[in-house]
Amino acid sequence: MSKVCDICGKSAQTGNHRSHALNATKRKFYPNLQKMRAEIDGKVKTVRVCTSCLKGNKVKKVV
């Protein structure tokens, strides 16, 4: 399953691991995704949403 927010499309970014000797090896920064039930187009679906979308009320939770 891809690590992409279903609401805003936020996905992994690339960067480097840096050792004390400043050696650079590739790594990825993943968004903080949470699996939740949300109402989308009047239907209840399970979606993967980043926490910035949850905090910004871009999703309607189903309790």
N, C-alpha and C. Protein backbone atom coordinates (compact mmCIF):
# COMPACT_ATOMS: atom_id res chain seq x y z
N MET A 1 0.84 -1.18 0.00
CA MET A 1 0.00 0.00 0.00
C MET A 1 0.89 1.25 0.00
N SER A 2 0.55 2.20 -0.86
CA SER A 2 1.38 3.39 -0.96
C SER A 2 1.19 4.29 0.25
N LYS A 3 2.22 5.02 0.59
CA LYS A 3 2.21 5.89 1.75
C LYS A 3 1.89 7.31 1.30
N VAL A 4 0.62 7.50 0.87
CA VAL A 4 0.15 8.77 0.33
C VAL A 4 -1.15 9.13 1.02
N CYS A 5 -1.30 10.40 1.40
CA CYS A 5 -2.53 10.89 2.01
C CYS A 5 -3.63 10.89 0.94
N ASP A 6 -4.81 10.33 1.28
CA ASP A 6 -5.92 10.26 0.33
C ASP A 6 -6.59 11.61 0.14
N ILE A 7 -6.35 12.56 1.02
CA ILE A 7 -7.00 13.87 0.94
C ILE A 7 -6.12 14.87 0.18
N CYS A 8 -4.91 15.11 0.66
CA CYS A 8 -4.06 16.16 0.06
C CYS A 8 -2.99 15.61 -0.88
N GLY A 9 -2.76 14.30 -0.87
CA GLY A 9 -1.78 13.72 -1.77
C GLY A 9 -0.35 13.80 -1.27
N LYS A 10 -0.18 14.15 0.01
CA LYS A 10 1.18 14.24 0.58
C LYS A 10 1.82 12.85 0.54
N SER A 11 3.08 12.80 0.08
CA SER A 11 3.78 11.52 -0.03
C SER A 11 5.19 11.66 0.50
N ALA A 12 5.98 10.60 0.34
CA ALA A 12 7.33 10.56 0.88
C ALA A 12 8.24 11.57 0.17
N GLN A 13 9.16 12.15 0.95
CA GLN A 13 10.20 13.02 0.41
C GLN A 13 11.53 12.33 0.61
N THR A 14 12.50 12.64 -0.24
CA THR A 14 13.80 12.01 -0.12
C THR A 14 14.79 12.97 0.51
N GLY A 15 15.80 12.38 1.15
CA GLY A 15 16.85 13.17 1.78
C GLY A 15 18.05 12.27 2.02
N ASN A 16 18.90 12.68 2.95
CA ASN A 16 20.11 11.93 3.24
C ASN A 16 20.20 11.62 4.73
N HIS A 17 20.73 10.41 5.03
CA HIS A 17 21.26 10.13 6.36
C HIS A 17 22.63 10.79 6.41
N ARG A 18 22.96 11.44 7.50
CA ARG A 18 24.28 12.05 7.63
C ARG A 18 24.97 11.48 8.85
N SER A 19 26.12 10.85 8.65
CA SER A 19 26.91 10.32 9.76
C SER A 19 27.79 11.43 10.33
N HIS A 20 28.50 11.12 11.39
CA HIS A 20 29.41 12.10 11.98
C HIS A 20 30.53 12.47 11.01
N ALA A 21 30.87 11.54 10.11
CA ALA A 21 31.89 11.81 9.09
C ALA A 21 31.29 12.49 7.85
N LEU A 22 30.02 12.87 7.94
CA LEU A 22 29.27 13.52 6.87
C LEU A 22 29.13 12.66 5.62
N ASN A 23 29.13 11.33 5.81
CA ASN A 23 28.79 10.44 4.70
C ASN A 23 27.29 10.57 4.44
N ALA A 24 26.91 10.59 3.19
CA ALA A 24 25.52 10.75 2.82
C ALA A 24 24.99 9.47 2.19
N THR A 25 23.94 8.91 2.77
CA THR A 25 23.22 7.78 2.17
C THR A 25 21.75 8.17 2.09
N LYS A 26 21.09 7.70 1.05
CA LYS A 26 19.71 8.10 0.80
C LYS A 26 18.76 7.54 1.86
N ARG A 27 17.71 8.30 2.14
CA ARG A 27 16.65 7.87 3.05
C ARG A 27 15.37 8.55 2.60
N LYS A 28 14.24 8.17 3.24
CA LYS A 28 12.95 8.76 2.92
C LYS A 28 12.30 9.30 4.19
N PHE A 29 11.60 10.41 4.03
CA PHE A 29 10.79 10.99 5.09
C PHE A 29 9.34 10.72 4.73
N TYR A 30 8.65 9.93 5.55
CA TYR A 30 7.26 9.57 5.28
C TYR A 30 6.31 10.47 6.05
N PRO A 31 5.13 10.79 5.48
CA PRO A 31 4.14 11.57 6.21
C PRO A 31 3.51 10.74 7.32
N ASN A 32 3.01 11.42 8.35
CA ASN A 32 2.37 10.75 9.47
C ASN A 32 0.93 10.42 9.08
N LEU A 33 0.72 9.20 8.55
CA LEU A 33 -0.59 8.79 8.07
C LEU A 33 -1.33 7.98 9.12
N GLN A 34 -2.62 8.24 9.25
CA GLN A 34 -3.48 7.52 10.17
C GLN A 34 -4.62 6.91 9.37
N LYS A 35 -4.96 5.67 9.68
CA LYS A 35 -6.09 5.02 9.03
C LYS A 35 -7.34 5.37 9.82
N MET A 36 -8.36 5.88 9.14
CA MET A 36 -9.58 6.28 9.83
C MET A 36 -10.78 6.12 8.92
N ARG A 37 -11.94 6.09 9.55
CA ARG A 37 -13.20 6.03 8.81
C ARG A 37 -13.69 7.46 8.62
N ALA A 38 -13.97 7.81 7.37
CA ALA A 38 -14.40 9.17 7.05
C ALA A 38 -15.59 9.12 6.10
N GLU A 39 -16.37 10.18 6.15
CA GLU A 39 -17.50 10.31 5.23
C GLU A 39 -17.04 11.09 4.01
N ILE A 40 -17.06 10.41 2.85
CA ILE A 40 -16.64 11.02 1.59
C ILE A 40 -17.75 10.82 0.57
N ASP A 41 -18.26 11.90 0.04
CA ASP A 41 -19.38 11.88 -0.93
C ASP A 41 -20.60 11.16 -0.36
N GLY A 42 -20.85 11.32 0.92
CA GLY A 42 -22.02 10.71 1.56
C GLY A 42 -21.86 9.24 1.91
N LYS A 43 -20.69 8.67 1.65
CA LYS A 43 -20.44 7.26 1.97
C LYS A 43 -19.32 7.17 2.99
N VAL A 44 -19.38 6.12 3.81
CA VAL A 44 -18.35 5.89 4.82
C VAL A 44 -17.26 5.02 4.21
N LYS A 45 -16.02 5.52 4.24
CA LYS A 45 -14.89 4.78 3.69
C LYS A 45 -13.74 4.82 4.69
N THR A 46 -12.87 3.82 4.63
CA THR A 46 -11.64 3.82 5.40
C THR A 46 -10.56 4.43 4.53
N VAL A 47 -9.96 5.50 5.03
CA VAL A 47 -8.96 6.23 4.26
C VAL A 47 -7.70 6.42 5.09
N ARG A 48 -6.59 6.68 4.39
CA ARG A 48 -5.32 7.02 5.05
C ARG A 48 -5.15 8.52 4.94
N VAL A 49 -5.12 9.19 6.09
CA VAL A 49 -5.12 10.65 6.13
C VAL A 49 -3.91 11.12 6.93
N CYS A 50 -3.21 12.15 6.43
CA CYS A 50 -2.09 12.70 7.19
C CYS A 50 -2.64 13.53 8.35
N THR A 51 -1.83 13.69 9.38
CA THR A 51 -2.29 14.37 10.58
C THR A 51 -2.52 15.86 10.36
N SER A 52 -1.87 16.46 9.36
CA SER A 52 -2.13 17.87 9.08
C SER A 52 -3.53 18.06 8.49
N CYS A 53 -4.04 17.08 7.74
CA CYS A 53 -5.41 17.14 7.24
C CYS A 53 -6.41 16.91 8.37
N LEU A 54 -6.08 16.02 9.29
CA LEU A 54 -6.96 15.80 10.45
C LEU A 54 -7.04 17.06 11.31
N LYS A 55 -5.90 17.68 11.55
CA LYS A 55 -5.85 18.87 12.39
C LYS A 55 -6.54 20.05 11.71
N GLY A 56 -6.49 20.11 10.39
CA GLY A 56 -7.09 21.21 9.63
C GLY A 56 -8.55 20.98 9.30
N ASN A 57 -9.17 19.92 9.84
CA ASN A 57 -10.60 19.60 9.60
C ASN A 57 -10.94 19.48 8.12
N LYS A 58 -10.05 18.86 7.36
CA LYS A 58 -10.32 18.64 5.94
C LYS A 58 -11.07 17.33 5.72
N VAL A 59 -11.34 16.61 6.81
CA VAL A 59 -12.00 15.31 6.74
C VAL A 59 -13.09 15.27 7.78
N LYS A 60 -14.24 14.67 7.42
CA LYS A 60 -15.32 14.52 8.39
C LYS A 60 -15.26 13.11 8.97
N LYS A 61 -14.96 13.02 10.26
CA LYS A 61 -14.84 11.73 10.93
C LYS A 61 -16.21 11.08 11.11
N VAL A 62 -16.21 9.74 11.12
CA VAL A 62 -17.40 8.97 11.43
C VAL A 62 -17.15 8.28 12.77
N VAL A 63 -18.04 8.53 13.71
CA VAL A 63 -17.86 7.95 15.05
C VAL A 63 -18.64 6.67 15.18
